[in-house]
C-alpha atoms as a PDB file:
ATOM      1  CA  MET A   1      34.317  10.459 -32.886  1.00  0.00           C
ATOM      2  CA  SER A   2      32.320   9.212 -35.848  1.00  0.00           C
ATOM      3  CA  LYS A   3      30.673  12.485 -36.817  1.00  0.00           C
ATOM      4  CA  VAL A   4      31.976  15.939 -37.595  1.00  0.00           C
ATOM      5  CA  ILE A   5      32.150  18.087 -34.464  1.00  0.00           C
ATOM      6  CA  GLU A   6      31.432  21.730 -35.277  1.00  0.00           C
ATOM      7  CA  ILE A   7      32.546  24.599 -33.047  1.00  0.00           C
ATOM      8  CA  ARG A   8      31.522  28.247 -33.217  1.00  0.00           C
ATOM      9  CA  TRP A   9      33.639  30.845 -31.386  1.00  0.00           C
ATOM     10  CA  HIS A  10      32.239  34.266 -30.400  1.00  0.00           C
ATOM     11  CA  GLY A  11      34.781  36.972 -29.655  1.00  0.00           C
ATOM     12  CA  ARG A  12      35.962  40.439 -30.480  1.00  0.00           C
ATOM     13  CA  GLY A  13      38.840  41.308 -32.770  1.00  0.00           C
ATOM     14  CA  GLY A  14      42.101  41.145 -30.855  1.00  0.00           C
ATOM     15  CA  GLN A  15      40.993  38.652 -28.189  1.00  0.00           C
ATOM     16  CA  GLY A  16      42.383  35.628 -29.974  1.00  0.00           C
ATOM     17  CA  ALA A  17      39.304  33.721 -31.168  1.00  0.00           C
ATOM     18  CA  LYS A  18      40.817  33.305 -34.648  1.00  0.00           C
ATOM     19  CA  THR A  19      44.172  32.196 -33.228  1.00  0.00           C
ATOM     20  CA  GLY A  20      42.509  29.989 -30.607  1.00  0.00           C
ATOM     21  CA  SER A  21      40.458  28.183 -33.246  1.00  0.00           C
ATOM     22  CA  ALA A  22      43.569  27.699 -35.387  1.00  0.00           C
ATOM     23  CA  LEU A  23      45.602  26.350 -32.443  1.00  0.00           C
ATOM     24  CA  LEU A  24      42.817  23.955 -31.450  1.00  0.00           C
ATOM     25  CA  SER A  25      42.643  22.666 -35.022  1.00  0.00           C
ATOM     26  CA  GLU A  26      46.414  22.203 -35.204  1.00  0.00           C
ATOM     27  CA  VAL A  27      46.623  20.282 -31.912  1.00  0.00           C
ATOM     28  CA  LEU A  28      43.783  17.978 -32.900  1.00  0.00           C
ATOM     29  CA  PHE A  29      45.288  17.518 -36.383  1.00  0.00           C
ATOM     30  CA  GLU A  30      48.561  16.458 -34.757  1.00  0.00           C
ATOM     31  CA  SER A  31      46.595  13.906 -32.716  1.00  0.00           C
ATOM     32  CA  GLY A  32      45.338  12.293 -35.940  1.00  0.00           C
ATOM     33  CA  LYS A  33      42.042  14.122 -36.582  1.00  0.00           C
ATOM     34  CA  TYR A  34      40.897  15.876 -39.725  1.00  0.00           C
ATOM     35  CA  THR A  35      40.291  19.542 -38.916  1.00  0.00           C
ATOM     36  CA  GLN A  36      39.263  22.943 -40.220  1.00  0.00           C
ATOM     37  CA  ALA A  37      39.631  26.390 -38.692  1.00  0.00           C
ATOM     38  CA  PHE A  38      38.450  29.635 -40.252  1.00  0.00           C
ATOM     39  CA  PRO A  39      37.268  33.105 -39.143  1.00  0.00           C
ATOM     40  CA  GLU A  40      34.294  35.215 -40.153  1.00  0.00           C
ATOM     41  CA  TYR A  41      34.351  38.958 -39.663  1.00  0.00           C
ATOM     42  CA  GLY A  42      33.569  42.173 -41.440  1.00  0.00           C
ATOM     43  CA  ALA A  43      35.902  45.131 -41.556  1.00  0.00           C
ATOM     44  CA  GLU A  44      38.954  44.143 -39.550  1.00  0.00           C
ATOM     45  CA  ARG A  45      39.199  46.250 -36.433  1.00  0.00           C
ATOM     46  CA  GLN A  46      40.081  45.546 -32.886  1.00  0.00           C
ATOM     47  CA  GLY A  47      37.067  45.185 -30.621  1.00  0.00           C
ATOM     48  CA  ALA A  48      34.537  44.388 -33.353  1.00  0.00           C
ATOM     49  CA  PRO A  49      32.429  41.252 -32.833  1.00  0.00           C
ATOM     50  CA  MET A  50      33.628  38.307 -34.899  1.00  0.00           C
ATOM     51  CA  LYS A  51      33.201  34.559 -35.138  1.00  0.00           C
ATOM     52  CA  ALA A  52      35.598  31.723 -35.818  1.00  0.00           C
ATOM     53  CA  TYR A  53      34.818  28.109 -36.584  1.00  0.00           C
ATOM     54  CA  ASN A  54      36.271  24.630 -36.261  1.00  0.00           C
ATOM     55  CA  ARG A  55      35.345  21.260 -37.619  1.00  0.00           C
ATOM     56  CA  ILE A  56      36.918  18.079 -36.249  1.00  0.00           C
ATOM     57  CA  SER A  57      36.423  14.535 -37.508  1.00  0.00           C
ATOM     58  CA  ASP A  58      38.001  11.093 -37.791  1.00  0.00           C
ATOM     59  CA  SER A  59      37.375  11.189 -41.542  1.00  0.00           C
ATOM     60  CA  LYS A  60      37.799  13.772 -44.301  1.00  0.00           C
ATOM     61  CA  ILE A  61      35.656  16.889 -43.961  1.00  0.00           C
ATOM     62  CA  ARG A  62      33.891  17.964 -47.121  1.00  0.00           C
ATOM     63  CA  ILE A  63      31.749  20.781 -45.676  1.00  0.00           C
ATOM     64  CA  ARG A  64      33.027  24.294 -46.432  1.00  0.00           C
ATOM     65  CA  SER A  65      30.355  26.581 -44.976  1.00  0.00           C
ATOM     66  CA  GLY A  66      30.005  28.459 -41.710  1.00  0.00           C
ATOM     67  CA  VAL A  67      28.791  26.565 -38.647  1.00  0.00           C
ATOM     68  CA  LEU A  68      25.040  27.027 -38.203  1.00  0.00           C
ATOM     69  CA  ASN A  69      24.239  24.267 -35.677  1.00  0.00           C
ATOM     70  CA  PRO A  70      27.308  23.984 -33.449  1.00  0.00           C
ATOM     71  CA  ASP A  71      28.145  21.072 -31.199  1.00  0.00           C
ATOM     72  CA  ILE A  72      30.269  23.430 -29.093  1.00  0.00           C
ATOM     73  CA  VAL A  73      29.876  27.181 -28.630  1.00  0.00           C
ATOM     74  CA  VAL A  74      32.833  29.135 -27.247  1.00  0.00           C
ATOM     75  CA  VAL A  75      32.192  32.627 -25.890  1.00  0.00           C
ATOM     76  CA  ILE A  76      35.528  34.410 -25.403  1.00  0.00           C
ATOM     77  CA  ASP A  77      34.003  37.805 -24.609  1.00  0.00           C
ATOM     78  CA  PRO A  78      31.230  37.657 -21.996  1.00  0.00           C
ATOM     79  CA  THR A  79      29.842  41.044 -23.117  1.00  0.00           C
ATOM     80  CA  LEU A  80      28.697  39.281 -26.288  1.00  0.00           C
ATOM     81  CA  LEU A  81      26.199  37.293 -24.217  1.00  0.00           C
ATOM     82  CA  ASP A  82      24.095  40.466 -24.066  1.00  0.00           C
ATOM     83  CA  VAL A  83      24.610  41.820 -27.589  1.00  0.00           C
ATOM     84  CA  SER A  84      24.718  38.697 -29.753  1.00  0.00           C
ATOM     85  CA  ASN A  85      22.888  35.408 -29.671  1.00  0.00           C
ATOM     86  CA  PRO A  86      25.420  32.646 -28.900  1.00  0.00           C
ATOM     87  CA  THR A  87      22.588  30.124 -28.495  1.00  0.00           C
ATOM     88  CA  GLU A  88      21.402  30.646 -32.091  1.00  0.00           C
ATOM     89  CA  GLY A  89      21.295  27.315 -33.900  1.00  0.00           C
ATOM     90  CA  ALA A  90      22.279  25.391 -30.780  1.00  0.00           C
ATOM     91  CA  LYS A  91      21.131  21.814 -30.604  1.00  0.00           C
ATOM     92  CA  GLU A  92      19.769  19.955 -27.613  1.00  0.00           C
ATOM     93  CA  ASP A  93      23.238  18.601 -26.799  1.00  0.00           C
ATOM     94  CA  THR A  94      25.350  21.668 -27.679  1.00  0.00           C
ATOM     95  CA  VAL A  95      28.097  22.316 -25.113  1.00  0.00           C
ATOM     96  CA  PHE A  96      28.915  25.894 -24.083  1.00  0.00           C
ATOM     97  CA  VAL A  97      32.382  27.092 -23.014  1.00  0.00           C
ATOM     98  CA  ILE A  98      32.146  30.608 -21.593  1.00  0.00           C
ATOM     99  CA  ASN A  99      34.707  33.109 -20.313  1.00  0.00           C
ATOM    100  CA  THR A 100      33.035  34.237 -17.088  1.00  0.00           C
ATOM    101  CA  PRO A 101      33.578  34.115 -13.330  1.00  0.00           C
ATOM    102  CA  ASP A 102      29.990  32.855 -13.014  1.00  0.00           C
ATOM    103  CA  LYS A 103      29.117  29.248 -12.281  1.00  0.00           C
ATOM    104  CA  PRO A 104      27.758  27.014 -15.056  1.00  0.00           C
ATOM    105  CA  GLU A 105      24.312  26.964 -13.398  1.00  0.00           C
ATOM    106  CA  GLU A 106      24.171  30.775 -13.520  1.00  0.00           C
ATOM    107  CA  MET A 107      25.021  30.743 -17.235  1.00  0.00           C
ATOM    108  CA  LYS A 108      22.335  28.152 -17.946  1.00  0.00           C
ATOM    109  CA  GLU A 109      19.803  30.440 -16.289  1.00  0.00           C
ATOM    110  CA  LYS A 110      21.093  33.595 -18.012  1.00  0.00           C
ATOM    111  CA  LEU A 111      21.017  31.942 -21.459  1.00  0.00           C
ATOM    112  CA  ASN A 112      17.753  30.127 -20.753  1.00  0.00           C
ATOM    113  CA  LEU A 113      19.363  26.748 -21.413  1.00  0.00           C
ATOM    114  CA  PRO A 114      17.865  23.435 -20.311  1.00  0.00           C
ATOM    115  CA  GLU A 115      19.234  22.033 -17.049  1.00  0.00           C
ATOM    116  CA  THR A 116      20.719  19.102 -18.998  1.00  0.00           C
ATOM    117  CA  THR A 117      22.930  21.388 -21.142  1.00  0.00           C
ATOM    118  CA  LYS A 118      26.634  20.988 -20.468  1.00  0.00           C
ATOM    119  CA  VAL A 119      28.250  24.350 -19.668  1.00  0.00           C
ATOM    120  CA  LEU A 120      31.903  24.992 -18.880  1.00  0.00           C
ATOM    121  CA  THR A 121      32.886  28.316 -17.355  1.00  0.00           C
ATOM    122  CA  VAL A 122      36.358  29.685 -16.738  1.00  0.00           C
ATOM    123  CA  ASP A 123      37.415  33.194 -15.750  1.00  0.00           C
ATOM    124  CA  ALA A 124      39.827  33.472 -18.670  1.00  0.00           C
ATOM    125  CA  THR A 125      39.988  37.265 -18.402  1.00  0.00           C
ATOM    126  CA  LYS A 126      41.155  37.081 -14.777  1.00  0.00           C
ATOM    127  CA  ILE A 127      43.715  34.410 -15.633  1.00  0.00           C
ATOM    128  CA  THR A 128      45.283  36.402 -18.477  1.00  0.00           C
ATOM    129  CA  LEU A 129      45.306  39.637 -16.507  1.00  0.00           C
ATOM    130  CA  GLU A 130      47.080  37.851 -13.659  1.00  0.00           C
ATOM    131  CA  GLU A 131      49.510  35.960 -15.879  1.00  0.00           C
ATOM    132  CA  PHE A 132      50.518  38.634 -18.387  1.00  0.00           C
ATOM    133  CA  GLY A 133      48.571  41.811 -17.713  1.00  0.00           C
ATOM    134  CA  GLN A 134      46.405  41.763 -20.866  1.00  0.00           C
ATOM    135  CA  ASN A 135      42.917  40.553 -21.686  1.00  0.00           C
ATOM    136  CA  ARG A 136      43.792  37.922 -24.293  1.00  0.00           C
ATOM    137  CA  PRO A 137      41.542  35.090 -23.061  1.00  0.00           C
ATOM    138  CA  ASN A 138      42.120  32.568 -25.846  1.00  0.00           C
ATOM    139  CA  THR A 139      44.838  30.577 -24.051  1.00  0.00           C
ATOM    140  CA  PRO A 140      42.828  29.746 -20.888  1.00  0.00           C
ATOM    141  CA  ILE A 141      39.886  28.922 -23.167  1.00  0.00           C
ATOM    142  CA  LEU A 142      42.136  26.426 -24.987  1.00  0.00           C
ATOM    143  CA  GLY A 143      42.871  24.835 -21.627  1.00  0.00           C
ATOM    144  CA  ALA A 144      39.147  24.617 -20.873  1.00  0.00           C
ATOM    145  CA  LEU A 145      38.473  23.086 -24.315  1.00  0.00           C
ATOM    146  CA  ALA A 146      41.098  20.431 -23.607  1.00  0.00           C
ATOM    147  CA  ARG A 147      38.613  19.075 -21.046  1.00  0.00           C
ATOM    148  CA  LEU A 148      36.237  18.273 -23.916  1.00  0.00           C
ATOM    149  CA  PHE A 149      38.904  16.496 -25.967  1.00  0.00           C
ATOM    150  CA  GLU A 150      40.121  14.158 -23.249  1.00  0.00           C
ATOM    151  CA  GLU A 151      41.743  11.759 -25.735  1.00  0.00           C
ATOM    152  CA  VAL A 152      44.327  14.509 -26.326  1.00  0.00           C
ATOM    153  CA  PRO A 153      46.351  15.154 -23.157  1.00  0.00           C
ATOM    154  CA  ILE A 154      46.782  18.733 -21.936  1.00  0.00           C
ATOM    155  CA  GLU A 155      50.535  18.245 -22.374  1.00  0.00           C
ATOM    156  CA  MET A 156      49.963  18.037 -26.119  1.00  0.00           C
ATOM    157  CA  PHE A 157      48.188  21.411 -26.057  1.00  0.00           C
ATOM    158  CA  LEU A 158      51.073  22.911 -24.060  1.00  0.00           C
ATOM    159  CA  GLU A 159      53.776  21.405 -26.272  1.00  0.00           C
ATOM    160  CA  HIS A 160      52.050  22.559 -29.458  1.00  0.00           C
ATOM    161  CA  PHE A 161      51.699  26.117 -28.163  1.00  0.00           C
ATOM    162  CA  LYS A 162      55.334  26.133 -27.034  1.00  0.00           C
ATOM    163  CA  THR A 163      56.514  24.986 -30.476  1.00  0.00           C
ATOM    164  CA  LYS A 164      54.118  27.175 -32.483  1.00  0.00           C
ATOM    165  CA  MET A 165      54.829  30.329 -30.485  1.00  0.00           C
ATOM    166  CA  ALA A 166      58.563  29.737 -29.922  1.00  0.00           C
ATOM    167  CA  LYS A 167      59.386  33.228 -31.226  1.00  0.00           C
ATOM    168  CA  LEU A 168      57.535  34.918 -28.365  1.00  0.00           C
ATOM    169  CA  PRO A 169      59.707  36.387 -25.615  1.00  0.00           C
ATOM    170  CA  GLU A 170      60.312  33.736 -22.950  1.00  0.00           C
ATOM    171  CA  ASN A 171      58.254  35.571 -20.298  1.00  0.00           C
ATOM    172  CA  VAL A 172      55.254  35.913 -22.655  1.00  0.00           C
ATOM    173  CA  LEU A 173      55.503  32.286 -23.766  1.00  0.00           C
ATOM    174  CA  SER A 174      55.731  31.105 -20.163  1.00  0.00           C
ATOM    175  CA  ALA A 175      52.740  33.248 -19.129  1.00  0.00           C
ATOM    176  CA  ASN A 176      50.631  31.808 -21.964  1.00  0.00           C
ATOM    177  CA  LEU A 177      51.572  28.251 -21.030  1.00  0.00           C
ATOM    178  CA  LYS A 178      50.554  28.958 -17.433  1.00  0.00           C
ATOM    179  CA  ALA A 179      47.276  30.450 -18.698  1.00  0.00           C
ATOM    180  CA  ILE A 180      46.485  27.311 -20.730  1.00  0.00           C
ATOM    181  CA  LYS A 181      47.212  25.102 -17.731  1.00  0.00           C
ATOM    182  CA  ARG A 182      45.145  27.287 -15.404  1.00  0.00           C
ATOM    183  CA  GLY A 183      42.223  27.232 -17.851  1.00  0.00           C
ATOM    184  CA  TYR A 184      42.359  23.444 -17.787  1.00  0.00           C
ATOM    185  CA  GLU A 185      42.586  23.304 -13.986  1.00  0.00           C
ATOM    186  CA  GLU A 186      40.162  26.104 -13.094  1.00  0.00           C
ATOM    187  CA  VAL A 187      37.320  25.356 -15.508  1.00  0.00           C
ATOM    188  CA  GLN A 188      33.963  24.675 -13.826  1.00  0.00           C
ATOM    189  CA  ILE A 189      31.824  22.013 -15.473  1.00  0.00           C
ATOM    190  CA  GLY A 190      28.086  21.860 -14.961  1.00  0.00           C
END
Protein backbone atom coordinates (compact mmCIF):
# COMPACT_ATOMS: atom_id res chain seq x y z
CA MET A 1 0.00 0.00 0.00
CA SER A 2 1.96 2.99 -1.24
CA LYS A 3 -0.85 5.54 -1.20
CA VAL A 4 -3.30 6.69 1.42
CA ILE A 5 -6.50 4.63 1.32
CA GLU A 6 -9.51 6.75 2.25
CA ILE A 7 -12.77 5.26 3.53
CA ARG A 8 -16.12 6.98 3.98
CA TRP A 9 -18.76 5.30 6.17
CA HIS A 10 -22.48 6.13 5.84
CA GLY A 11 -24.68 5.23 8.79
CA ARG A 12 -27.15 6.47 11.33
CA GLY A 13 -26.36 7.42 14.90
CA GLY A 14 -26.38 4.33 17.08
CA GLN A 15 -25.54 1.79 14.36
CA GLY A 16 -21.83 1.76 15.08
CA ALA A 17 -20.26 3.53 12.09
CA LYS A 18 -18.11 5.68 14.40
CA THR A 19 -17.06 2.67 16.48
CA GLY A 20 -16.56 0.50 13.39
CA SER A 21 -14.25 3.08 11.80
CA ALA A 22 -12.29 3.38 15.05
CA LEU A 23 -11.94 -0.41 15.40
CA LEU A 24 -10.81 -0.77 11.79
CA SER A 25 -8.19 1.92 12.33
CA GLU A 26 -6.95 0.29 15.53
CA VAL A 27 -6.61 -3.18 13.97
CA LEU A 28 -4.73 -1.81 10.98
CA PHE A 29 -2.54 0.33 13.26
CA GLU A 30 -1.63 -2.80 15.23
CA SER A 31 -0.65 -4.45 11.94
CA GLY A 32 1.90 -1.67 11.30
CA LYS A 33 -0.11 0.88 9.27
CA TYR A 34 -0.55 4.57 9.91
CA THR A 35 -4.25 5.28 10.42
CA GLN A 36 -6.90 7.88 11.15
CA ALA A 37 -10.52 7.49 12.21
CA PHE A 38 -12.96 10.32 12.83
CA PRO A 39 -16.73 10.97 12.67
CA GLU A 40 -18.76 13.77 11.14
CA TYR A 41 -22.26 14.48 12.36
CA GLY A 42 -24.50 17.32 13.39
CA ALA A 43 -26.59 17.31 16.53
CA GLU A 44 -25.96 13.97 18.20
CA ARG A 45 -29.10 11.88 18.16
CA GLN A 46 -29.81 8.28 17.53
CA GLY A 47 -31.06 7.57 14.03
CA ALA A 48 -29.70 10.74 12.41
CA PRO A 49 -27.58 10.26 9.28
CA MET A 50 -23.86 10.57 9.95
CA LYS A 51 -20.53 9.81 8.32
CA ALA A 52 -17.26 8.46 9.64
CA TYR A 53 -13.90 8.34 7.91
CA ASN A 54 -10.68 6.36 7.85
CA ARG A 55 -7.31 6.88 6.28
CA ILE A 56 -4.77 4.05 6.08
CA SER A 57 -1.21 4.24 4.79
CA ASP A 58 2.27 2.73 5.04
CA SER A 59 3.65 6.20 5.74
CA LYS A 60 2.63 9.15 7.93
CA ILE A 61 -0.70 10.75 7.05
CA ARG A 62 -0.66 14.53 6.90
CA ILE A 63 -4.19 15.11 5.56
CA ARG A 64 -6.71 16.27 8.17
CA SER A 65 -9.88 16.91 6.17
CA GLY A 66 -13.00 14.88 5.48
CA VAL A 67 -12.87 12.24 2.75
CA LEU A 68 -14.23 13.65 -0.52
CA ASN A 69 -13.02 11.01 -3.02
CA PRO A 70 -13.11 7.70 -1.15
CA ASP A 71 -11.32 4.54 -2.18
CA ILE A 72 -13.87 2.55 -0.16
CA VAL A 73 -17.46 3.49 0.68
CA VAL A 74 -19.18 1.63 3.52
CA VAL A 75 -22.97 1.84 3.76
CA ILE A 76 -24.07 0.52 7.16
CA ASP A 77 -27.71 1.56 6.77
CA PRO A 78 -29.25 0.51 3.44
CA THR A 79 -32.04 3.11 3.79
CA LEU A 80 -29.37 5.75 3.19
CA LEU A 81 -29.00 4.48 -0.38
CA ASP A 82 -32.29 6.24 -1.14
CA VAL A 83 -31.88 9.41 0.93
CA SER A 84 -28.18 10.23 0.61
CA ASN A 85 -25.68 9.95 -2.19
CA PRO A 86 -23.06 7.34 -1.20
CA THR A 87 -21.58 7.46 -4.71
CA GLU A 88 -20.75 11.18 -4.40
CA GLY A 89 -17.06 11.73 -5.09
CA ALA A 90 -16.49 8.07 -5.92
CA LYS A 91 -13.64 7.33 -8.26
CA GLU A 92 -13.55 4.82 -11.08
CA ASP A 93 -12.00 2.20 -8.79
CA THR A 94 -13.91 2.97 -5.56
CA VAL A 95 -15.02 -0.20 -3.75
CA PHE A 96 -18.45 -0.33 -2.10
CA VAL A 97 -19.26 -2.38 1.02
CA ILE A 98 -23.02 -2.40 1.61
CA ASN A 99 -25.26 -3.83 4.33
CA THR A 100 -27.96 -5.48 2.22
CA PRO A 101 -29.34 -8.93 1.44
CA ASP A 102 -29.08 -8.01 -2.26
CA LYS A 103 -26.39 -9.36 -4.55
CA PRO A 104 -23.51 -7.11 -5.63
CA GLU A 105 -24.86 -7.02 -9.21
CA GLU A 106 -28.20 -5.68 -7.94
CA MET A 107 -26.42 -2.93 -6.00
CA LYS A 108 -24.37 -1.95 -9.05
CA GLU A 109 -27.61 -1.54 -10.99
CA LYS A 110 -29.40 0.32 -8.18
CA LEU A 111 -26.49 2.76 -7.72
CA ASN A 112 -25.85 3.03 -11.45
CA LEU A 113 -22.26 1.85 -11.03
CA PRO A 114 -20.11 0.55 -13.88
CA GLU A 115 -19.98 -3.24 -14.23
CA THR A 116 -16.27 -3.14 -13.34
CA THR A 117 -16.93 -1.59 -9.90
CA LYS A 118 -16.12 -3.90 -7.01
CA VAL A 119 -19.10 -4.25 -4.66
CA LEU A 120 -19.27 -6.31 -1.48
CA THR A 121 -22.65 -7.01 0.07
CA VAL A 122 -23.42 -8.62 3.40
CA ASP A 123 -26.73 -8.84 5.26
CA ALA A 124 -25.25 -7.34 8.41
CA THR A 125 -28.67 -6.47 9.82
CA LYS A 126 -29.82 -10.10 9.60
CA ILE A 127 -26.58 -11.32 11.17
CA THR A 128 -26.82 -8.99 14.18
CA LEU A 129 -30.50 -9.67 14.71
CA GLU A 130 -29.78 -13.40 14.71
CA GLU A 131 -26.68 -13.16 16.89
CA PHE A 132 -27.77 -10.66 19.53
CA GLY A 133 -31.25 -9.40 18.74
CA GLN A 134 -30.31 -5.81 17.84
CA ASN A 135 -29.59 -3.96 14.62
CA ARG A 136 -25.98 -2.95 15.29
CA PRO A 137 -24.46 -3.88 11.92
CA ASN A 138 -20.94 -2.56 12.43
CA THR A 139 -19.40 -5.87 13.52
CA PRO A 140 -20.41 -7.92 10.44
CA ILE A 141 -19.31 -4.97 8.30
CA LEU A 142 -15.88 -5.18 9.98
CA GLY A 143 -15.75 -8.83 8.97
CA ALA A 144 -16.63 -7.91 5.38
CA LEU A 145 -13.95 -5.17 5.36
CA ALA A 146 -11.38 -7.74 6.49
CA ARG A 147 -11.77 -9.23 3.00
CA LEU A 148 -10.32 -6.02 1.56
CA PHE A 149 -7.35 -5.99 3.93
CA GLU A 150 -6.20 -9.54 3.28
CA GLU A 151 -2.69 -8.89 4.66
CA VAL A 152 -4.35 -8.67 8.09
CA PRO A 153 -5.86 -12.04 9.07
CA ILE A 154 -9.45 -12.16 10.33
CA GLU A 155 -8.08 -13.57 13.59
CA MET A 156 -6.42 -10.22 14.22
CA PHE A 157 -9.78 -8.46 13.85
CA LEU A 158 -11.37 -10.95 16.26
CA GLU A 159 -8.56 -10.72 18.81
CA HIS A 160 -8.57 -6.92 18.74
CA PHE A 161 -12.33 -6.77 19.28
CA LYS A 162 -12.10 -9.31 22.11
CA THR A 163 -9.38 -7.26 23.85
CA LYS A 164 -10.94 -3.85 23.18
CA MET A 165 -14.43 -4.88 24.27
CA ALA A 166 -13.40 -7.17 27.16
CA LYS A 167 -15.76 -5.35 29.54
CA LEU A 168 -18.84 -6.44 27.59
CA PRO A 169 -20.87 -9.26 29.13
CA GLU A 170 -19.54 -12.59 27.86
CA ASN A 171 -22.70 -13.37 25.84
CA VAL A 172 -22.60 -9.96 24.10
CA LEU A 173 -18.88 -10.25 23.39
CA SER A 174 -19.33 -13.76 22.00
CA ALA A 175 -22.26 -12.66 19.81
CA ASN A 176 -20.20 -9.79 18.36
CA LEU A 177 -17.27 -12.08 17.62
CA LYS A 178 -19.63 -14.46 15.81
CA ALA A 179 -21.07 -11.50 13.88
CA ILE A 180 -17.59 -10.40 12.73
CA LYS A 181 -16.77 -13.94 11.61
CA ARG A 182 -20.11 -14.33 9.82
CA GLY A 183 -19.61 -11.00 8.03
CA TYR A 184 -16.26 -12.28 6.78
CA GLU A 185 -17.71 -15.64 5.70
CA GLU A 186 -21.05 -14.47 4.28
CA VAL A 187 -19.93 -11.42 2.31
CA GLN A 188 -20.72 -11.58 -1.42
CA ILE A 189 -18.10 -10.07 -3.71
CA GLY A 190 -18.94 -8.92 -7.21
